[in-house]
Amino acid sequence: MAEFDTARFRKVVGGFASGITVVTAVHEGEPVGMTCQSFFSLSLDPPLIAFSPALSSSSYPRIREAGSFCVNILESGQEALCNQFARSGTDKWRGVAWEPGVTGSPRLDGVLASIDCDLENEFETGDHYLTVGRVRSLHTTPGLHPLLYFNGTYRRLHPHQELGARSA
């Protein structure tokens, strides 16, 4: 059997545009957070979401221990915030305005939406975890557009190109 081409795999799946989130929690009285691109809604009844942090993440173990978290969906123009929470070994919270959500987890100012959750389940699969959260509270800011990641770069929606809702 031929060796799997991981570089090609990364390039192919990078062609799927995705939104970007910052997952936050409070651990031992201190805010913790991380950028996460692998996020999706999982169930309407009960309301569940999922995200997939890397096994190597230094922030995720503290989020897990907190037992609750907030998924902050970034708004177009928040590239710097995304980069700030993607770095390790730095003060990710310098200059970041936030307020506690229903779970006490940080809801970041200026985001498109935030989803407060309790940790429902976790599975170790491949080089990532699949983390499931039970939704407790939702917050949205009307009129904003998501920050997207596509083919290795940030992208933005252009309102004049909207095609309307279609069935999937």
Protein backbone atom coordinates (compact mmCIF):
# COMPACT_ATOMS: atom_id res chain seq x y z
CA MET A 1 0.00 0.00 0.00
CA ALA A 2 1.33 3.43 -0.97
CA GLU A 3 2.17 5.96 1.75
CA PHE A 4 -0.63 8.48 2.35
CA ASP A 5 0.13 11.99 1.08
CA THR A 6 -0.69 14.19 4.12
CA ALA A 7 0.38 17.39 2.33
CA ARG A 8 -2.13 16.72 -0.44
CA PHE A 9 -4.80 15.84 2.13
CA ARG A 10 -4.21 19.17 3.90
CA LYS A 11 -4.45 21.03 0.57
CA VAL A 12 -7.68 19.28 -0.44
CA VAL A 13 -9.48 19.83 2.89
CA GLY A 14 -8.13 23.40 2.94
CA GLY A 15 -10.38 23.99 -0.06
CA PHE A 16 -13.38 23.76 2.25
CA ALA A 17 -14.12 27.25 3.57
CA SER A 18 -14.75 27.32 7.30
CA GLY A 19 -15.53 29.88 9.93
CA ILE A 20 -13.11 30.54 12.76
CA THR A 21 -13.88 30.40 16.46
CA VAL A 22 -12.15 31.17 19.72
CA VAL A 23 -13.13 28.69 22.43
CA THR A 24 -12.89 30.17 25.93
CA ALA A 25 -13.35 29.07 29.53
CA VAL A 26 -12.38 30.05 33.06
CA HIS A 27 -9.98 27.65 34.73
CA GLU A 28 -8.97 28.17 38.36
CA GLY A 29 -10.19 31.77 38.20
CA GLU A 30 -8.23 32.67 35.06
CA PRO A 31 -9.54 32.99 31.49
CA VAL A 32 -8.17 30.53 28.96
CA GLY A 33 -8.78 30.42 25.21
CA MET A 34 -7.72 28.99 21.89
CA THR A 35 -8.43 29.50 18.21
CA CYS A 36 -10.33 26.60 16.67
CA GLN A 37 -11.31 26.21 13.03
CA SER A 38 -12.88 22.74 13.41
CA PHE A 39 -16.33 23.62 14.75
CA PHE A 40 -19.85 22.54 13.76
CA SER A 41 -23.42 22.18 14.97
CA LEU A 42 -24.16 18.57 15.87
CA SER A 43 -27.78 18.24 17.03
CA LEU A 44 -30.91 20.35 17.38
CA ASP A 45 -32.60 18.11 19.96
CA PRO A 46 -30.81 18.21 22.29
CA PRO A 47 -28.88 21.31 21.19
CA LEU A 48 -25.27 20.15 20.74
CA ILE A 49 -22.18 21.58 19.06
CA ALA A 50 -18.76 20.05 18.50
CA PHE A 51 -15.20 21.25 18.03
CA SER A 52 -11.91 19.44 17.53
CA PRO A 53 -8.81 20.67 19.36
CA ALA A 54 -5.43 19.04 18.68
CA LEU A 55 -4.13 16.50 21.18
CA SER A 56 -1.05 18.73 21.46
CA SER A 57 -3.04 21.82 22.54
CA SER A 58 -1.78 23.36 25.77
CA SER A 59 -5.01 25.34 26.30
CA TYR A 60 -7.57 22.60 25.73
CA PRO A 61 -6.82 20.54 28.88
CA ARG A 62 -7.72 23.60 30.99
CA ILE A 63 -10.92 24.12 28.99
CA ARG A 64 -11.82 20.46 29.58
CA GLU A 65 -11.16 20.77 33.32
CA ALA A 66 -13.37 23.87 33.50
CA GLY A 67 -16.31 21.69 32.42
CA SER A 68 -17.96 24.49 30.46
CA PHE A 69 -16.87 26.78 27.64
CA CYS A 70 -17.97 29.43 25.17
CA VAL A 71 -17.51 29.17 21.42
CA ASN A 72 -16.99 32.68 20.04
CA ILE A 73 -17.60 32.87 16.28
CA LEU A 74 -15.26 35.50 14.87
CA GLU A 75 -16.49 38.39 12.79
CA SER A 76 -14.93 39.54 9.55
CA GLY A 77 -12.04 41.79 10.46
CA GLN A 78 -11.00 39.89 13.60
CA GLU A 79 -7.90 38.32 12.07
CA ALA A 80 -5.65 39.83 14.76
CA LEU A 81 -7.82 38.33 17.53
CA CYS A 82 -7.68 34.96 15.76
CA ASN A 83 -3.88 35.13 15.57
CA GLN A 84 -3.58 36.26 19.19
CA PHE A 85 -5.47 33.20 20.47
CA ALA A 86 -3.61 30.84 18.09
CA ARG A 87 -0.21 31.56 19.68
CA SER A 88 1.24 29.58 22.56
CA GLY A 89 3.32 31.06 25.35
CA THR A 90 1.95 34.60 25.05
CA ASP A 91 -0.59 36.67 26.96
CA LYS A 92 -3.59 35.83 24.80
CA TRP A 93 -5.85 38.11 26.84
CA ARG A 94 -3.89 41.38 26.52
CA GLY A 95 -6.30 44.06 25.31
CA VAL A 96 -9.20 41.62 24.89
CA ALA A 97 -12.57 42.87 26.18
CA TRP A 98 -15.01 40.23 27.39
CA GLU A 99 -17.83 39.53 29.78
CA PRO A 100 -18.84 36.27 31.45
CA GLY A 101 -21.55 34.31 29.71
CA VAL A 102 -24.12 32.06 31.39
CA THR A 103 -21.44 29.46 32.20
CA GLY A 104 -18.99 32.12 33.38
CA SER A 105 -16.87 31.51 30.27
CA PRO A 106 -15.65 34.61 28.42
CA ARG A 107 -17.92 36.02 25.71
CA LEU A 108 -15.59 38.11 23.58
CA ASP A 109 -16.68 41.60 22.55
CA GLY A 110 -17.39 42.21 18.88
CA VAL A 111 -17.84 38.60 17.80
CA LEU A 112 -20.53 37.52 15.36
CA ALA A 113 -22.00 35.06 17.90
CA SER A 114 -21.19 33.23 21.10
CA ILE A 115 -22.44 29.85 22.27
CA ASP A 116 -22.20 28.97 25.97
CA CYS A 117 -21.95 25.22 26.58
CA ASP A 118 -21.40 22.55 29.19
CA LEU A 119 -18.98 19.80 28.27
CA GLU A 120 -21.14 16.85 27.21
CA ASN A 121 -18.63 14.33 25.88
CA GLU A 122 -15.16 13.92 24.45
CA PHE A 123 -13.59 11.36 22.14
CA GLU A 124 -9.94 10.94 21.23
CA THR A 125 -9.67 10.29 17.51
CA GLY A 126 -6.56 10.54 15.36
CA ASP A 127 -4.44 13.52 16.39
CA HIS A 128 -7.44 15.47 17.74
CA TYR A 129 -10.22 15.29 20.27
CA LEU A 130 -13.85 15.49 19.24
CA THR A 131 -15.44 17.59 21.96
CA VAL A 132 -19.22 17.82 22.28
CA GLY A 133 -20.91 20.68 24.12
CA ARG A 134 -24.52 20.98 25.28
CA VAL A 135 -25.72 24.48 24.41
CA ARG A 136 -26.98 26.55 27.33
CA SER A 137 -27.11 30.04 25.86
CA LEU A 138 -26.78 31.86 22.53
CA HIS A 139 -25.81 35.44 21.78
CA THR A 140 -25.66 37.05 18.32
CA THR A 141 -24.86 40.46 16.89
CA PRO A 142 -27.09 41.21 13.85
CA GLY A 143 -25.58 42.55 10.66
CA LEU A 144 -22.09 41.06 11.04
CA HIS A 145 -20.35 38.64 8.68
CA PRO A 146 -18.07 35.72 9.58
CA LEU A 147 -14.31 35.58 9.29
CA LEU A 148 -13.54 32.67 6.96
CA TYR A 149 -10.48 30.54 6.31
CA PHE A 150 -9.98 29.12 2.80
CA ASN A 151 -6.91 27.72 1.03
CA GLY A 152 -4.55 28.89 3.78
CA THR A 153 -5.73 32.48 4.04
CA TYR A 154 -8.43 34.58 5.69
CA ARG A 155 -11.43 35.48 3.56
CA ARG A 156 -14.51 37.65 3.96
CA LEU A 157 -17.99 37.42 2.55
CA HIS A 158 -19.13 40.16 0.23
CA PRO A 159 -22.78 41.08 0.98
CA HIS A 160 -23.60 41.90 -2.65
CA GLN A 161 -22.76 38.30 -3.62
CA GLU A 162 -25.32 36.65 -1.34
CA LEU A 163 -27.44 34.12 -3.20
CA GLY A 164 -30.06 33.51 -0.51
CA ALA A 165 -30.87 30.41 1.48
CA ARG A 166 -31.06 27.09 -0.31
CA SER A 167 -31.78 23.60 0.91
CA ALA A 168 -28.73 21.42 1.43
